[in-house]
Amino acid sequence: TLLISGGLVELGLWRYSQYRYQEEQRFLRAQAYEMRAVL
């Protein structure tokens, strides 16, 4: 039970980190387009 619970937690955290990375990349790209427009 502990291993399954821990595995589910780790799987959820891994998926969250992937999602967070993708969202931050989208956010950074939007900021990059704006900074390029200013330049």
ModelCIF file with pLDDT and N, C-alpha, C, O atoms, coordinates in Angstrom:
data_MODEL
#
_entry.id   MODEL 
#
_entity.id                         1 
_entity.type                       polymer 
_entity.pdbx_number_of_molecules   1 
#
_entity_poly.entity_id                      1 
_entity_poly.type                           'polypeptide(L)' 
_entity_poly.nstd_linkage                   no 
_entity_poly.nstd_monomer                   no 
_entity_poly.pdbx_seq_one_letter_code       TLLISGGLVELGLWRYSQYRYQEEQRFLRAQAYEMRAVL 
_entity_poly.pdbx_seq_one_letter_code_can   TLLISGGLVELGLWRYSQYRYQEEQRFLRAQAYEMRAVL 
_entity_poly.pdbx_strand_id                 A 
#
loop_
_entity_poly_seq.entity_id 
_entity_poly_seq.num 
_entity_poly_seq.mon_id 
_entity_poly_seq.hetero 
1 1  THR n 
1 2  LEU n 
1 3  LEU n 
1 4  ILE n 
1 5  SER n 
1 6  GLY n 
1 7  GLY n 
1 8  LEU n 
1 9  VAL n 
1 10 GLU n 
1 11 LEU n 
1 12 GLY n 
1 13 LEU n 
1 14 TRP n 
1 15 ARG n 
1 16 TYR n 
1 17 SER n 
1 18 GLN n 
1 19 TYR n 
1 20 ARG n 
1 21 TYR n 
1 22 GLN n 
1 23 GLU n 
1 24 GLU n 
1 25 GLN n 
1 26 ARG n 
1 27 PHE n 
1 28 LEU n 
1 29 ARG n 
1 30 ALA n 
1 31 GLN n 
1 32 ALA n 
1 33 TYR n 
1 34 GLU n 
1 35 MET n 
1 36 ARG n 
1 37 ALA n 
1 38 VAL n 
1 39 LEU n 
#
_struct_asym.id          A 
_struct_asym.entity_id   1 
#
loop_
_ma_qa_metric.id 
_ma_qa_metric.mode 
_ma_qa_metric.name 
_ma_qa_metric.software_group_id 
_ma_qa_metric.type 
1 global pLDDT . pLDDT 
2 local  pLDDT . pLDDT 
#
_ma_qa_metric_global.metric_id      1 
_ma_qa_metric_global.metric_value   76.59 
_ma_qa_metric_global.model_id       1 
_ma_qa_metric_global.ordinal_id     1 
#
loop_
_ma_qa_metric_local.label_asym_id 
_ma_qa_metric_local.label_comp_id 
_ma_qa_metric_local.label_seq_id 
_ma_qa_metric_local.metric_id 
_ma_qa_metric_local.metric_value 
_ma_qa_metric_local.model_id 
_ma_qa_metric_local.ordinal_id 
A THR 1  2 61.00 1 1  
A LEU 2  2 59.00 1 2  
A LEU 3  2 66.00 1 3  
A ILE 4  2 70.00 1 4  
A SER 5  2 67.00 1 5  
A GLY 6  2 69.00 1 6  
A GLY 7  2 72.00 1 7  
A LEU 8  2 70.00 1 8  
A VAL 9  2 67.00 1 9  
A GLU 10 2 70.00 1 10 
A LEU 11 2 69.00 1 11 
A GLY 12 2 70.00 1 12 
A LEU 13 2 67.00 1 13 
A TRP 14 2 71.00 1 14 
A ARG 15 2 76.00 1 15 
A TYR 16 2 68.00 1 16 
A SER 17 2 71.00 1 17 
A GLN 18 2 71.00 1 18 
A TYR 19 2 74.00 1 19 
A ARG 20 2 74.00 1 20 
A TYR 21 2 74.00 1 21 
A GLN 22 2 79.00 1 22 
A GLU 23 2 79.00 1 23 
A GLU 24 2 81.00 1 24 
A GLN 25 2 79.00 1 25 
A ARG 26 2 85.00 1 26 
A PHE 27 2 83.00 1 27 
A LEU 28 2 84.00 1 28 
A ARG 29 2 86.00 1 29 
A ALA 30 2 87.00 1 30 
A GLN 31 2 86.00 1 31 
A ALA 32 2 86.00 1 32 
A TYR 33 2 88.00 1 33 
A GLU 34 2 89.00 1 34 
A MET 35 2 88.00 1 35 
A ARG 36 2 88.00 1 36 
A ALA 37 2 89.00 1 37 
A VAL 38 2 87.00 1 38 
A LEU 39 2 87.00 1 39 
#
loop_
_atom_site.group_PDB 
_atom_site.id 
_atom_site.type_symbol 
_atom_site.label_atom_id 
_atom_site.label_alt_id 
_atom_site.label_comp_id 
_atom_site.label_asym_id 
_atom_site.label_entity_id 
_atom_site.label_seq_id 
_atom_site.pdbx_PDB_ins_code 
_atom_site.Cartn_x 
_atom_site.Cartn_y 
_atom_site.Cartn_z 
_atom_site.occupancy 
_atom_site.B_iso_or_equiv 
_atom_site.pdbx_formal_charge 
_atom_site.auth_seq_id 
_atom_site.auth_comp_id 
_atom_site.auth_asym_id 
_atom_site.auth_atom_id 
_atom_site.pdbx_PDB_model_num 
ATOM 1   N N  . THR A 1 1  ? 0.832  -1.209 0.000   1.00 61.00 ? 1  THR A N  1 
ATOM 2   C CA . THR A 1 1  ? 0.000  0.000  0.000   1.00 61.00 ? 1  THR A CA 1 
ATOM 3   C C  . THR A 1 1  ? 0.862  1.252  0.000   1.00 61.00 ? 1  THR A C  1 
ATOM 4   O O  . THR A 1 1  ? 0.590  2.215  -0.717  1.00 61.00 ? 1  THR A O  1 
ATOM 5   N N  . LEU A 1 2  ? 1.915  1.219  0.825   1.00 59.00 ? 2  LEU A N  1 
ATOM 6   C CA . LEU A 1 2  ? 2.817  2.370  0.895   1.00 59.00 ? 2  LEU A CA 1 
ATOM 7   C C  . LEU A 1 2  ? 3.507  2.608  -0.442  1.00 59.00 ? 2  LEU A C  1 
ATOM 8   O O  . LEU A 1 2  ? 3.625  3.740  -0.910  1.00 59.00 ? 2  LEU A O  1 
ATOM 9   N N  . LEU A 1 3  ? 3.970  1.486  -1.057  1.00 66.00 ? 3  LEU A N  1 
ATOM 10  C CA . LEU A 1 3  ? 4.661  1.633  -2.342  1.00 66.00 ? 3  LEU A CA 1 
ATOM 11  C C  . LEU A 1 3  ? 3.711  2.124  -3.425  1.00 66.00 ? 3  LEU A C  1 
ATOM 12  O O  . LEU A 1 3  ? 4.075  2.976  -4.236  1.00 66.00 ? 3  LEU A O  1 
ATOM 13  N N  . ILE A 1 4  ? 2.478  1.580  -3.440  1.00 70.00 ? 4  ILE A N  1 
ATOM 14  C CA . ILE A 1 4  ? 1.512  2.039  -4.444  1.00 70.00 ? 4  ILE A CA 1 
ATOM 15  C C  . ILE A 1 4  ? 1.169  3.508  -4.231  1.00 70.00 ? 4  ILE A C  1 
ATOM 16  O O  . ILE A 1 4  ? 1.134  4.299  -5.173  1.00 70.00 ? 4  ILE A O  1 
ATOM 17  N N  . SER A 1 5  ? 0.914  3.856  -2.961  1.00 67.00 ? 5  SER A N  1 
ATOM 18  C CA . SER A 1 5  ? 0.590  5.255  -2.668  1.00 67.00 ? 5  SER A CA 1 
ATOM 19  C C  . SER A 1 5  ? 1.746  6.167  -3.053  1.00 67.00 ? 5  SER A C  1 
ATOM 20  O O  . SER A 1 5  ? 1.552  7.211  -3.676  1.00 67.00 ? 5  SER A O  1 
ATOM 21  N N  . GLY A 1 6  ? 2.962  5.750  -2.668  1.00 69.00 ? 6  GLY A N  1 
ATOM 22  C CA . GLY A 1 6  ? 4.134  6.556  -3.015  1.00 69.00 ? 6  GLY A CA 1 
ATOM 23  C C  . GLY A 1 6  ? 4.331  6.640  -4.519  1.00 69.00 ? 6  GLY A C  1 
ATOM 24  O O  . GLY A 1 6  ? 4.691  7.688  -5.054  1.00 69.00 ? 6  GLY A O  1 
ATOM 25  N N  . GLY A 1 7  ? 4.086  5.493  -5.210  1.00 72.00 ? 7  GLY A N  1 
ATOM 26  C CA . GLY A 1 7  ? 4.211  5.515  -6.672  1.00 72.00 ? 7  GLY A CA 1 
ATOM 27  C C  . GLY A 1 7  ? 3.224  6.459  -7.312  1.00 72.00 ? 7  GLY A C  1 
ATOM 28  O O  . GLY A 1 7  ? 3.568  7.181  -8.247  1.00 72.00 ? 7  GLY A O  1 
ATOM 29  N N  . LEU A 1 8  ? 1.964  6.461  -6.805  1.00 70.00 ? 8  LEU A N  1 
ATOM 30  C CA . LEU A 1 8  ? 0.963  7.379  -7.331  1.00 70.00 ? 8  LEU A CA 1 
ATOM 31  C C  . LEU A 1 8  ? 1.355  8.834  -7.079  1.00 70.00 ? 8  LEU A C  1 
ATOM 32  O O  . LEU A 1 8  ? 1.180  9.702  -7.935  1.00 70.00 ? 8  LEU A O  1 
ATOM 33  N N  . VAL A 1 9  ? 1.892  9.075  -5.874  1.00 67.00 ? 9  VAL A N  1 
ATOM 34  C CA . VAL A 1 9  ? 2.345  10.432 -5.560  1.00 67.00 ? 9  VAL A CA 1 
ATOM 35  C C  . VAL A 1 9  ? 3.455  10.858 -6.517  1.00 67.00 ? 9  VAL A C  1 
ATOM 36  O O  . VAL A 1 9  ? 3.417  11.954 -7.076  1.00 67.00 ? 9  VAL A O  1 
ATOM 37  N N  . GLU A 1 10 ? 4.457  9.971  -6.704  1.00 70.00 ? 10 GLU A N  1 
ATOM 38  C CA . GLU A 1 10 ? 5.576  10.302 -7.585  1.00 70.00 ? 10 GLU A CA 1 
ATOM 39  C C  . GLU A 1 10 ? 5.112  10.487 -9.026  1.00 70.00 ? 10 GLU A C  1 
ATOM 40  O O  . GLU A 1 10 ? 5.587  11.380 -9.729  1.00 70.00 ? 10 GLU A O  1 
ATOM 41  N N  . LEU A 1 11 ? 4.170  9.627  -9.468  1.00 69.00 ? 11 LEU A N  1 
ATOM 42  C CA . LEU A 1 11 ? 3.650  9.779  -10.825 1.00 69.00 ? 11 LEU A CA 1 
ATOM 43  C C  . LEU A 1 11 ? 2.923  11.119 -10.976 1.00 69.00 ? 11 LEU A C  1 
ATOM 44  O O  . LEU A 1 11 ? 3.101  11.827 -11.967 1.00 69.00 ? 11 LEU A O  1 
ATOM 45  N N  . GLY A 1 12 ? 2.107  11.449 -9.984  1.00 70.00 ? 12 GLY A N  1 
ATOM 46  C CA . GLY A 1 12 ? 1.402  12.727 -10.048 1.00 70.00 ? 12 GLY A CA 1 
ATOM 47  C C  . GLY A 1 12 ? 2.360  13.907 -10.041 1.00 70.00 ? 12 GLY A C  1 
ATOM 48  O O  . GLY A 1 12 ? 2.166  14.865 -10.789 1.00 70.00 ? 12 GLY A O  1 
ATOM 49  N N  . LEU A 1 13 ? 3.394  13.847 -9.203  1.00 67.00 ? 13 LEU A N  1 
ATOM 50  C CA . LEU A 1 13 ? 4.362  14.946 -9.148  1.00 67.00 ? 13 LEU A CA 1 
ATOM 51  C C  . LEU A 1 13 ? 5.149  15.060 -10.442 1.00 67.00 ? 13 LEU A C  1 
ATOM 52  O O  . LEU A 1 13 ? 5.474  16.164 -10.878 1.00 67.00 ? 13 LEU A O  1 
ATOM 53  N N  . TRP A 1 14 ? 5.458  13.929 -11.059 1.00 71.00 ? 14 TRP A N  1 
ATOM 54  C CA . TRP A 1 14 ? 6.202  13.962 -12.333 1.00 71.00 ? 14 TRP A CA 1 
ATOM 55  C C  . TRP A 1 14 ? 5.357  14.629 -13.422 1.00 71.00 ? 14 TRP A C  1 
ATOM 56  O O  . TRP A 1 14 ? 5.846  15.447 -14.202 1.00 71.00 ? 14 TRP A O  1 
ATOM 57  N N  . ARG A 1 15 ? 4.061  14.249 -13.451 1.00 76.00 ? 15 ARG A N  1 
ATOM 58  C CA . ARG A 1 15 ? 3.195  14.848 -14.458 1.00 76.00 ? 15 ARG A CA 1 
ATOM 59  C C  . ARG A 1 15 ? 3.007  16.346 -14.187 1.00 76.00 ? 15 ARG A C  1 
ATOM 60  O O  . ARG A 1 15 ? 2.937  17.151 -15.116 1.00 76.00 ? 15 ARG A O  1 
ATOM 61  N N  . TYR A 1 16 ? 2.928  16.700 -12.925 1.00 68.00 ? 16 TYR A N  1 
ATOM 62  C CA . TYR A 1 16 ? 2.811  18.115 -12.580 1.00 68.00 ? 16 TYR A CA 1 
ATOM 63  C C  . TYR A 1 16 ? 4.051  18.897 -13.021 1.00 68.00 ? 16 TYR A C  1 
ATOM 64  O O  . TYR A 1 16 ? 3.940  19.994 -13.568 1.00 68.00 ? 16 TYR A O  1 
ATOM 65  N N  . SER A 1 17 ? 5.228  18.324 -12.777 1.00 71.00 ? 17 SER A N  1 
ATOM 66  C CA . SER A 1 17 ? 6.459  19.019 -13.176 1.00 71.00 ? 17 SER A CA 1 
ATOM 67  C C  . SER A 1 17 ? 6.523  19.182 -14.690 1.00 71.00 ? 17 SER A C  1 
ATOM 68  O O  . SER A 1 17 ? 6.994  20.207 -15.183 1.00 71.00 ? 17 SER A O  1 
ATOM 69  N N  . GLN A 1 18 ? 6.045  18.161 -15.442 1.00 71.00 ? 18 GLN A N  1 
ATOM 70  C CA . GLN A 1 18 ? 6.017  18.284 -16.897 1.00 71.00 ? 18 GLN A CA 1 
ATOM 71  C C  . GLN A 1 18 ? 5.048  19.384 -17.338 1.00 71.00 ? 18 GLN A C  1 
ATOM 72  O O  . GLN A 1 18 ? 5.360  20.190 -18.215 1.00 71.00 ? 18 GLN A O  1 
ATOM 73  N N  . TYR A 1 19 ? 3.892  19.402 -16.726 1.00 74.00 ? 19 TYR A N  1 
ATOM 74  C CA . TYR A 1 19 ? 2.909  20.426 -17.066 1.00 74.00 ? 19 TYR A CA 1 
ATOM 75  C C  . TYR A 1 19 ? 3.443  21.827 -16.723 1.00 74.00 ? 19 TYR A C  1 
ATOM 76  O O  . TYR A 1 19 ? 3.327  22.773 -17.503 1.00 74.00 ? 19 TYR A O  1 
ATOM 77  N N  . ARG A 1 20 ? 4.029  21.914 -15.528 1.00 74.00 ? 20 ARG A N  1 
ATOM 78  C CA . ARG A 1 20 ? 4.568  23.204 -15.102 1.00 74.00 ? 20 ARG A CA 1 
ATOM 79  C C  . ARG A 1 20 ? 5.660  23.684 -16.047 1.00 74.00 ? 20 ARG A C  1 
ATOM 80  O O  . ARG A 1 20 ? 5.736  24.872 -16.361 1.00 74.00 ? 20 ARG A O  1 
ATOM 81  N N  . TYR A 1 21 ? 6.497  22.774 -16.495 1.00 74.00 ? 21 TYR A N  1 
ATOM 82  C CA . TYR A 1 21 ? 7.549  23.139 -17.442 1.00 74.00 ? 21 TYR A CA 1 
ATOM 83  C C  . TYR A 1 21 ? 6.948  23.663 -18.753 1.00 74.00 ? 21 TYR A C  1 
ATOM 84  O O  . TYR A 1 21 ? 7.399  24.678 -19.284 1.00 74.00 ? 21 TYR A O  1 
ATOM 85  N N  . GLN A 1 22 ? 5.935  22.973 -19.268 1.00 79.00 ? 22 GLN A N  1 
ATOM 86  C CA . GLN A 1 22 ? 5.308  23.392 -20.518 1.00 79.00 ? 22 GLN A CA 1 
ATOM 87  C C  . GLN A 1 22 ? 4.641  24.757 -20.379 1.00 79.00 ? 22 GLN A C  1 
ATOM 88  O O  . GLN A 1 22 ? 4.736  25.595 -21.276 1.00 79.00 ? 22 GLN A O  1 
ATOM 89  N N  . GLU A 1 23 ? 3.966  24.978 -19.250 1.00 79.00 ? 23 GLU A N  1 
ATOM 90  C CA . GLU A 1 23 ? 3.317  26.266 -19.044 1.00 79.00 ? 23 GLU A CA 1 
ATOM 91  C C  . GLU A 1 23 ? 4.331  27.387 -18.910 1.00 79.00 ? 23 GLU A C  1 
ATOM 92  O O  . GLU A 1 23 ? 4.120  28.481 -19.433 1.00 79.00 ? 23 GLU A O  1 
ATOM 93  N N  . GLU A 1 24 ? 5.424  27.126 -18.218 1.00 81.00 ? 24 GLU A N  1 
ATOM 94  C CA . GLU A 1 24 ? 6.463  28.142 -18.069 1.00 81.00 ? 24 GLU A CA 1 
ATOM 95  C C  . GLU A 1 24 ? 7.118  28.442 -19.411 1.00 81.00 ? 24 GLU A C  1 
ATOM 96  O O  . GLU A 1 24 ? 7.486  29.584 -19.688 1.00 81.00 ? 24 GLU A O  1 
ATOM 97  N N  . GLN A 1 25 ? 7.264  27.403 -20.253 1.00 79.00 ? 25 GLN A N  1 
ATOM 98  C CA . GLN A 1 25 ? 7.809  27.642 -21.578 1.00 79.00 ? 25 GLN A CA 1 
ATOM 99  C C  . GLN A 1 25 ? 6.869  28.519 -22.404 1.00 79.00 ? 25 GLN A C  1 
ATOM 100 O O  . GLN A 1 25 ? 7.328  29.415 -23.112 1.00 79.00 ? 25 GLN A O  1 
ATOM 101 N N  . ARG A 1 26 ? 5.564  28.272 -22.321 1.00 85.00 ? 26 ARG A N  1 
ATOM 102 C CA . ARG A 1 26 ? 4.603  29.116 -23.034 1.00 85.00 ? 26 ARG A CA 1 
ATOM 103 C C  . ARG A 1 26 ? 4.660  30.552 -22.520 1.00 85.00 ? 26 ARG A C  1 
ATOM 104 O O  . ARG A 1 26 ? 4.647  31.509 -23.295 1.00 85.00 ? 26 ARG A O  1 
ATOM 105 N N  . PHE A 1 27 ? 4.724  30.677 -21.199 1.00 83.00 ? 27 PHE A N  1 
ATOM 106 C CA . PHE A 1 27 ? 4.799  32.012 -20.607 1.00 83.00 ? 27 PHE A CA 1 
ATOM 107 C C  . PHE A 1 27 ? 6.079  32.734 -21.038 1.00 83.00 ? 27 PHE A C  1 
ATOM 108 O O  . PHE A 1 27 ? 6.044  33.908 -21.405 1.00 83.00 ? 27 PHE A O  1 
ATOM 109 N N  . LEU A 1 28 ? 7.206  32.021 -20.988 1.00 84.00 ? 28 LEU A N  1 
ATOM 110 C CA . LEU A 1 28 ? 8.473  32.630 -21.396 1.00 84.00 ? 28 LEU A CA 1 
ATOM 111 C C  . LEU A 1 28 ? 8.452  33.032 -22.864 1.00 84.00 ? 28 LEU A C  1 
ATOM 112 O O  . LEU A 1 28 ? 8.967  34.090 -23.228 1.00 84.00 ? 28 LEU A O  1 
ATOM 113 N N  . ARG A 1 29 ? 7.854  32.188 -23.713 1.00 86.00 ? 29 ARG A N  1 
ATOM 114 C CA . ARG A 1 29 ? 7.804  32.513 -25.134 1.00 86.00 ? 29 ARG A CA 1 
ATOM 115 C C  . ARG A 1 29 ? 6.955  33.771 -25.364 1.00 86.00 ? 29 ARG A C  1 
ATOM 116 O O  . ARG A 1 29 ? 7.307  34.619 -26.183 1.00 86.00 ? 29 ARG A O  1 
ATOM 117 N N  . ALA A 1 30 ? 5.844  33.886 -24.643 1.00 87.00 ? 30 ALA A N  1 
ATOM 118 C CA . ALA A 1 30 ? 5.023  35.093 -24.764 1.00 87.00 ? 30 ALA A CA 1 
ATOM 119 C C  . ALA A 1 30 ? 5.817  36.327 -24.330 1.00 87.00 ? 30 ALA A C  1 
ATOM 120 O O  . ALA A 1 30 ? 5.753  37.373 -24.975 1.00 87.00 ? 30 ALA A O  1 
ATOM 121 N N  . GLN A 1 31 ? 6.565  36.195 -23.232 1.00 86.00 ? 31 GLN A N  1 
ATOM 122 C CA . GLN A 1 31 ? 7.393  37.311 -22.772 1.00 86.00 ? 31 GLN A CA 1 
ATOM 123 C C  . GLN A 1 31 ? 8.491  37.637 -23.779 1.00 86.00 ? 31 GLN A C  1 
ATOM 124 O O  . GLN A 1 31 ? 8.809  38.806 -24.001 1.00 86.00 ? 31 GLN A O  1 
ATOM 125 N N  . ALA A 1 32 ? 9.074  36.593 -24.393 1.00 86.00 ? 32 ALA A N  1 
ATOM 126 C CA . ALA A 1 32 ? 10.133 36.803 -25.376 1.00 86.00 ? 32 ALA A CA 1 
ATOM 127 C C  . ALA A 1 32 ? 9.607  37.561 -26.587 1.00 86.00 ? 32 ALA A C  1 
ATOM 128 O O  . ALA A 1 32 ? 10.291 38.446 -27.102 1.00 86.00 ? 32 ALA A O  1 
ATOM 129 N N  . TYR A 1 33 ? 8.398  37.227 -27.054 1.00 88.00 ? 33 TYR A N  1 
ATOM 130 C CA . TYR A 1 33 ? 7.813  37.948 -28.184 1.00 88.00 ? 33 TYR A CA 1 
ATOM 131 C C  . TYR A 1 33 ? 7.598  39.419 -27.827 1.00 88.00 ? 33 TYR A C  1 
ATOM 132 O O  . TYR A 1 33 ? 7.817  40.306 -28.652 1.00 88.00 ? 33 TYR A O  1 
ATOM 133 N N  . GLU A 1 34 ? 7.169  39.666 -26.594 1.00 89.00 ? 34 GLU A N  1 
ATOM 134 C CA . GLU A 1 34 ? 6.943  41.048 -26.191 1.00 89.00 ? 34 GLU A CA 1 
ATOM 135 C C  . GLU A 1 34 ? 8.257  41.817 -26.098 1.00 89.00 ? 34 GLU A C  1 
ATOM 136 O O  . GLU A 1 34 ? 8.338  42.961 -26.545 1.00 89.00 ? 34 GLU A O  1 
ATOM 137 N N  . MET A 1 35 ? 9.295  41.193 -25.518 1.00 88.00 ? 35 MET A N  1 
ATOM 138 C CA . MET A 1 35 ? 10.592 41.874 -25.409 1.00 88.00 ? 35 MET A CA 1 
ATOM 139 C C  . MET A 1 35 ? 11.177 42.114 -26.796 1.00 88.00 ? 35 MET A C  1 
ATOM 140 O O  . MET A 1 35 ? 11.802 43.149 -27.027 1.00 88.00 ? 35 MET A O  1 
ATOM 141 N N  . ARG A 1 36 ? 10.987 41.173 -27.724 1.00 88.00 ? 36 ARG A N  1 
ATOM 142 C CA . ARG A 1 36 ? 11.485 41.382 -29.087 1.00 88.00 ? 36 ARG A CA 1 
ATOM 143 C C  . ARG A 1 36 ? 10.758 42.553 -29.751 1.00 88.00 ? 36 ARG A C  1 
ATOM 144 O O  . ARG A 1 36 ? 11.373 43.343 -30.467 1.00 88.00 ? 36 ARG A O  1 
ATOM 145 N N  . ALA A 1 37 ? 9.448  42.662 -29.514 1.00 89.00 ? 37 ALA A N  1 
ATOM 146 C CA . ALA A 1 37 ? 8.688  43.775 -30.089 1.00 89.00 ? 37 ALA A CA 1 
ATOM 147 C C  . ALA A 1 37 ? 9.200  45.111 -29.560 1.00 89.00 ? 37 ALA A C  1 
ATOM 148 O O  . ALA A 1 37 ? 9.306  46.077 -30.316 1.00 89.00 ? 37 ALA A O  1 
ATOM 149 N N  . VAL A 1 38 ? 9.517  45.173 -28.271 1.00 87.00 ? 38 VAL A N  1 
ATOM 150 C CA . VAL A 1 38 ? 10.054 46.406 -27.687 1.00 87.00 ? 38 VAL A CA 1 
ATOM 151 C C  . VAL A 1 38 ? 11.404 46.741 -28.308 1.00 87.00 ? 38 VAL A C  1 
ATOM 152 O O  . VAL A 1 38 ? 11.650 47.892 -28.667 1.00 87.00 ? 38 VAL A O  1 
ATOM 153 N N  . LEU A 1 39 ? 12.287 45.739 -28.440 1.00 87.00 ? 39 LEU A N  1 
ATOM 154 C CA . LEU A 1 39 ? 13.612 45.957 -29.028 1.00 87.00 ? 39 LEU A CA 1 
ATOM 155 C C  . LEU A 1 39 ? 13.488 46.480 -30.454 1.00 87.00 ? 39 LEU A C  1 
ATOM 156 O O  . LEU A 1 39 ? 14.500 46.723 -31.112 1.00 87.00 ? 39 LEU A O  1 
#
